[in-house]
Amino acid sequence: MTPKKYAYCKIFVNDPSPDEIATRVARALGTPAANRVIEQSGLIVEVRRNIGTGGHRDFLEWPVTVEIECADGSSSSPMVPVVDRILRYLWSTETPSVAACPFEDELPWGGGMELLAE
């Protein structure tokens, strides 16, 4: 069976510093970040401030996002293992993180949703 391929994922992160999260994501992937952007395995990983958030009541309002997309616009890159690595690293540093993507069920703890329920 051929694994499914995906073109995009967004991770919401409950940490106020996009620069610090970019450093952590770069460590997770073993690739340096330039201006909070990391390119690896045909993917572009960009750490951004989540504009317009205020209350932090919901993970969608967390202050930082990590957006992962295929560099060529296709879905031919290894999205699931890269997102998995990023999430596991952020969780290992006790950084609350939740993935919002069509493959949450292929990620540990449902991409982090199950951790929020604990």
C-alpha atoms as a PDB file:
ATOM      1  CA  MET A   1       0.000   0.000   0.000  1.00  0.00           C
ATOM      2  CA  THR A   2       1.376   3.403  -0.991  1.00  0.00           C
ATOM      3  CA  PRO A   3       1.459   5.894   1.896  1.00  0.00           C
ATOM      4  CA  LYS A   4      -0.843   8.899   1.582  1.00  0.00           C
ATOM      5  CA  LYS A   5       0.816  12.144   0.645  1.00  0.00           C
ATOM      6  CA  TYR A   6      -0.057  15.532   1.989  1.00  0.00           C
ATOM      7  CA  ALA A   7       0.853  19.082   0.975  1.00  0.00           C
ATOM      8  CA  TYR A   8       0.262  21.198   4.133  1.00  0.00           C
ATOM      9  CA  CYS A   9       0.094  21.186   7.916  1.00  0.00           C
ATOM     10  CA  LYS A  10      -0.105  23.886  10.583  1.00  0.00           C
ATOM     11  CA  ILE A  11       1.091  23.402  14.148  1.00  0.00           C
ATOM     12  CA  PHE A  12      -0.190  25.795  16.811  1.00  0.00           C
ATOM     13  CA  VAL A  13       2.307  26.435  19.616  1.00  0.00           C
ATOM     14  CA  ASN A  14       1.663  27.923  23.051  1.00  0.00           C
ATOM     15  CA  ASP A  15       4.890  29.882  23.418  1.00  0.00           C
ATOM     16  CA  PRO A  16       5.317  33.643  23.003  1.00  0.00           C
ATOM     17  CA  SER A  17       8.583  33.551  21.034  1.00  0.00           C
ATOM     18  CA  PRO A  18       8.604  32.631  17.344  1.00  0.00           C
ATOM     19  CA  ASP A  19      12.403  32.923  17.356  1.00  0.00           C
ATOM     20  CA  GLU A  20      12.737  30.369  20.164  1.00  0.00           C
ATOM     21  CA  ILE A  21      10.303  28.004  18.453  1.00  0.00           C
ATOM     22  CA  ALA A  22      12.248  28.344  15.179  1.00  0.00           C
ATOM     23  CA  THR A  23      15.384  27.340  17.084  1.00  0.00           C
ATOM     24  CA  ARG A  24      13.609  24.301  18.564  1.00  0.00           C
ATOM     25  CA  VAL A  25      12.168  23.256  15.209  1.00  0.00           C
ATOM     26  CA  ALA A  26      15.609  23.593  13.595  1.00  0.00           C
ATOM     27  CA  ARG A  27      17.048  21.356  16.337  1.00  0.00           C
ATOM     28  CA  ALA A  28      14.271  18.821  15.815  1.00  0.00           C
ATOM     29  CA  LEU A  29      15.042  18.639  12.102  1.00  0.00           C
ATOM     30  CA  GLY A  30      18.821  18.984  12.383  1.00  0.00           C
ATOM     31  CA  THR A  31      18.746  21.834   9.857  1.00  0.00           C
ATOM     32  CA  PRO A  32      19.529  25.512  10.509  1.00  0.00           C
ATOM     33  CA  ALA A  33      16.794  28.134  10.297  1.00  0.00           C
ATOM     34  CA  ALA A  34      17.203  31.322   8.289  1.00  0.00           C
ATOM     35  CA  ASN A  35      14.713  34.042   9.248  1.00  0.00           C
ATOM     36  CA  ARG A  36      12.515  31.390  10.924  1.00  0.00           C
ATOM     37  CA  VAL A  37      12.383  29.311   7.718  1.00  0.00           C
ATOM     38  CA  ILE A  38      13.780  25.795   7.392  1.00  0.00           C
ATOM     39  CA  GLU A  39      13.977  23.818   4.170  1.00  0.00           C
ATOM     40  CA  GLN A  40      14.295  20.060   4.371  1.00  0.00           C
ATOM     41  CA  SER A  41      13.266  17.010   2.349  1.00  0.00           C
ATOM     42  CA  GLY A  42      11.344  19.093  -0.190  1.00  0.00           C
ATOM     43  CA  LEU A  43       9.416  20.876   2.563  1.00  0.00           C
ATOM     44  CA  ILE A  44       9.382  24.481   3.681  1.00  0.00           C
ATOM     45  CA  VAL A  45       8.859  24.929   7.419  1.00  0.00           C
ATOM     46  CA  GLU A  46       8.071  28.478   8.502  1.00  0.00           C
ATOM     47  CA  VAL A  47       7.587  29.702  12.070  1.00  0.00           C
ATOM     48  CA  ARG A  48       5.253  32.680  12.354  1.00  0.00           C
ATOM     49  CA  ARG A  49       3.564  34.834  14.942  1.00  0.00           C
ATOM     50  CA  ASN A  50      -0.138  33.953  15.022  1.00  0.00           C
ATOM     51  CA  ILE A  51      -1.521  37.398  14.123  1.00  0.00           C
ATOM     52  CA  GLY A  52      -4.750  38.539  15.688  1.00  0.00           C
ATOM     53  CA  THR A  53      -4.743  36.206  18.646  1.00  0.00           C
ATOM     54  CA  GLY A  54      -5.607  37.416  22.049  1.00  0.00           C
ATOM     55  CA  GLY A  55      -7.063  35.142  24.650  1.00  0.00           C
ATOM     56  CA  HIS A  56      -5.169  31.828  24.378  1.00  0.00           C
ATOM     57  CA  ARG A  57      -8.411  30.091  25.405  1.00  0.00           C
ATOM     58  CA  ASP A  58      -8.266  27.796  22.424  1.00  0.00           C
ATOM     59  CA  PHE A  59      -5.206  26.312  20.726  1.00  0.00           C
ATOM     60  CA  LEU A  60      -6.200  28.198  17.553  1.00  0.00           C
ATOM     61  CA  GLU A  61      -5.333  31.391  19.468  1.00  0.00           C
ATOM     62  CA  TRP A  62      -1.887  30.243  20.616  1.00  0.00           C
ATOM     63  CA  PRO A  63       0.750  32.872  19.754  1.00  0.00           C
ATOM     64  CA  VAL A  64       2.967  30.928  17.327  1.00  0.00           C
ATOM     65  CA  THR A  65       2.342  28.722  14.302  1.00  0.00           C
ATOM     66  CA  VAL A  66       4.639  26.372  12.435  1.00  0.00           C
ATOM     67  CA  GLU A  67       3.510  25.974   8.838  1.00  0.00           C
ATOM     68  CA  ILE A  68       4.819  23.060   6.805  1.00  0.00           C
ATOM     69  CA  GLU A  69       4.223  22.819   3.077  1.00  0.00           C
ATOM     70  CA  CYS A  70       5.705  21.096   0.065  1.00  0.00           C
ATOM     71  CA  ALA A  71       8.246  23.323  -1.649  1.00  0.00           C
ATOM     72  CA  ASP A  72       7.040  22.489  -5.135  1.00  0.00           C
ATOM     73  CA  GLY A  73       3.325  22.714  -4.314  1.00  0.00           C
ATOM     74  CA  SER A  74       2.841  18.988  -4.807  1.00  0.00           C
ATOM     75  CA  SER A  75       2.295  16.397  -2.120  1.00  0.00           C
ATOM     76  CA  SER A  76       5.373  14.318  -2.825  1.00  0.00           C
ATOM     77  CA  SER A  77       7.394  15.098   0.300  1.00  0.00           C
ATOM     78  CA  PRO A  78       7.511  13.164   3.595  1.00  0.00           C
ATOM     79  CA  MET A  79       5.120  15.414   5.502  1.00  0.00           C
ATOM     80  CA  VAL A  80       3.959  12.988   8.212  1.00  0.00           C
ATOM     81  CA  PRO A  81       7.395  12.005   9.580  1.00  0.00           C
ATOM     82  CA  VAL A  82       8.593  15.619   9.581  1.00  0.00           C
ATOM     83  CA  VAL A  83       5.520  16.847  11.471  1.00  0.00           C
ATOM     84  CA  ASP A  84       5.872  13.888  13.845  1.00  0.00           C
ATOM     85  CA  ARG A  85       9.491  14.862  14.604  1.00  0.00           C
ATOM     86  CA  ILE A  86       8.615  18.506  15.193  1.00  0.00           C
ATOM     87  CA  LEU A  87       5.735  17.668  17.528  1.00  0.00           C
ATOM     88  CA  ARG A  88       7.707  15.117  19.547  1.00  0.00           C
ATOM     89  CA  TYR A  89      10.588  17.560  19.977  1.00  0.00           C
ATOM     90  CA  LEU A  90       8.320  20.410  21.069  1.00  0.00           C
ATOM     91  CA  TRP A  91       6.520  18.122  23.510  1.00  0.00           C
ATOM     92  CA  SER A  92       9.876  16.920  24.888  1.00  0.00           C
ATOM     93  CA  THR A  93      10.656  20.556  25.747  1.00  0.00           C
ATOM     94  CA  GLU A  94       7.243  20.846  27.449  1.00  0.00           C
ATOM     95  CA  THR A  95       5.986  23.196  24.757  1.00  0.00           C
ATOM     96  CA  PRO A  96       2.228  22.720  24.197  1.00  0.00           C
ATOM     97  CA  SER A  97       1.688  22.093  20.469  1.00  0.00           C
ATOM     98  CA  VAL A  98      -1.210  20.859  18.346  1.00  0.00           C
ATOM     99  CA  ALA A  99      -1.205  19.961  14.648  1.00  0.00           C
ATOM    100  CA  ALA A 100      -4.151  20.893  12.450  1.00  0.00           C
ATOM    101  CA  CYS A 101      -3.994  18.863   9.257  1.00  0.00           C
ATOM    102  CA  PRO A 102      -5.786  16.083   7.365  1.00  0.00           C
ATOM    103  CA  PHE A 103      -3.497  13.434   8.872  1.00  0.00           C
ATOM    104  CA  GLU A 104      -3.872  14.096  12.600  1.00  0.00           C
ATOM    105  CA  ASP A 105      -4.908  10.466  13.055  1.00  0.00           C
ATOM    106  CA  GLU A 106      -1.483   9.388  11.734  1.00  0.00           C
ATOM    107  CA  LEU A 107       0.341  11.453  14.373  1.00  0.00           C
ATOM    108  CA  PRO A 108       0.944  10.571  18.020  1.00  0.00           C
ATOM    109  CA  TRP A 109      -1.833  11.656  20.403  1.00  0.00           C
ATOM    110  CA  GLY A 110      -3.977  12.748  17.463  1.00  0.00           C
ATOM    111  CA  GLY A 111      -1.505  15.512  16.647  1.00  0.00           C
ATOM    112  CA  GLY A 112      -1.667  16.720  20.231  1.00  0.00           C
ATOM    113  CA  MET A 113      -5.445  16.999  20.673  1.00  0.00           C
ATOM    114  CA  GLU A 114      -5.467  13.998  23.002  1.00  0.00           C
ATOM    115  CA  LEU A 115      -2.833  15.671  25.192  1.00  0.00           C
ATOM    116  CA  LEU A 116      -5.111  18.705  25.636  1.00  0.00           C
ATOM    117  CA  ALA A 117      -7.847  16.442  26.956  1.00  0.00           C
ATOM    118  CA  GLU A 118      -5.607  15.087  29.746  1.00  0.00           C
END
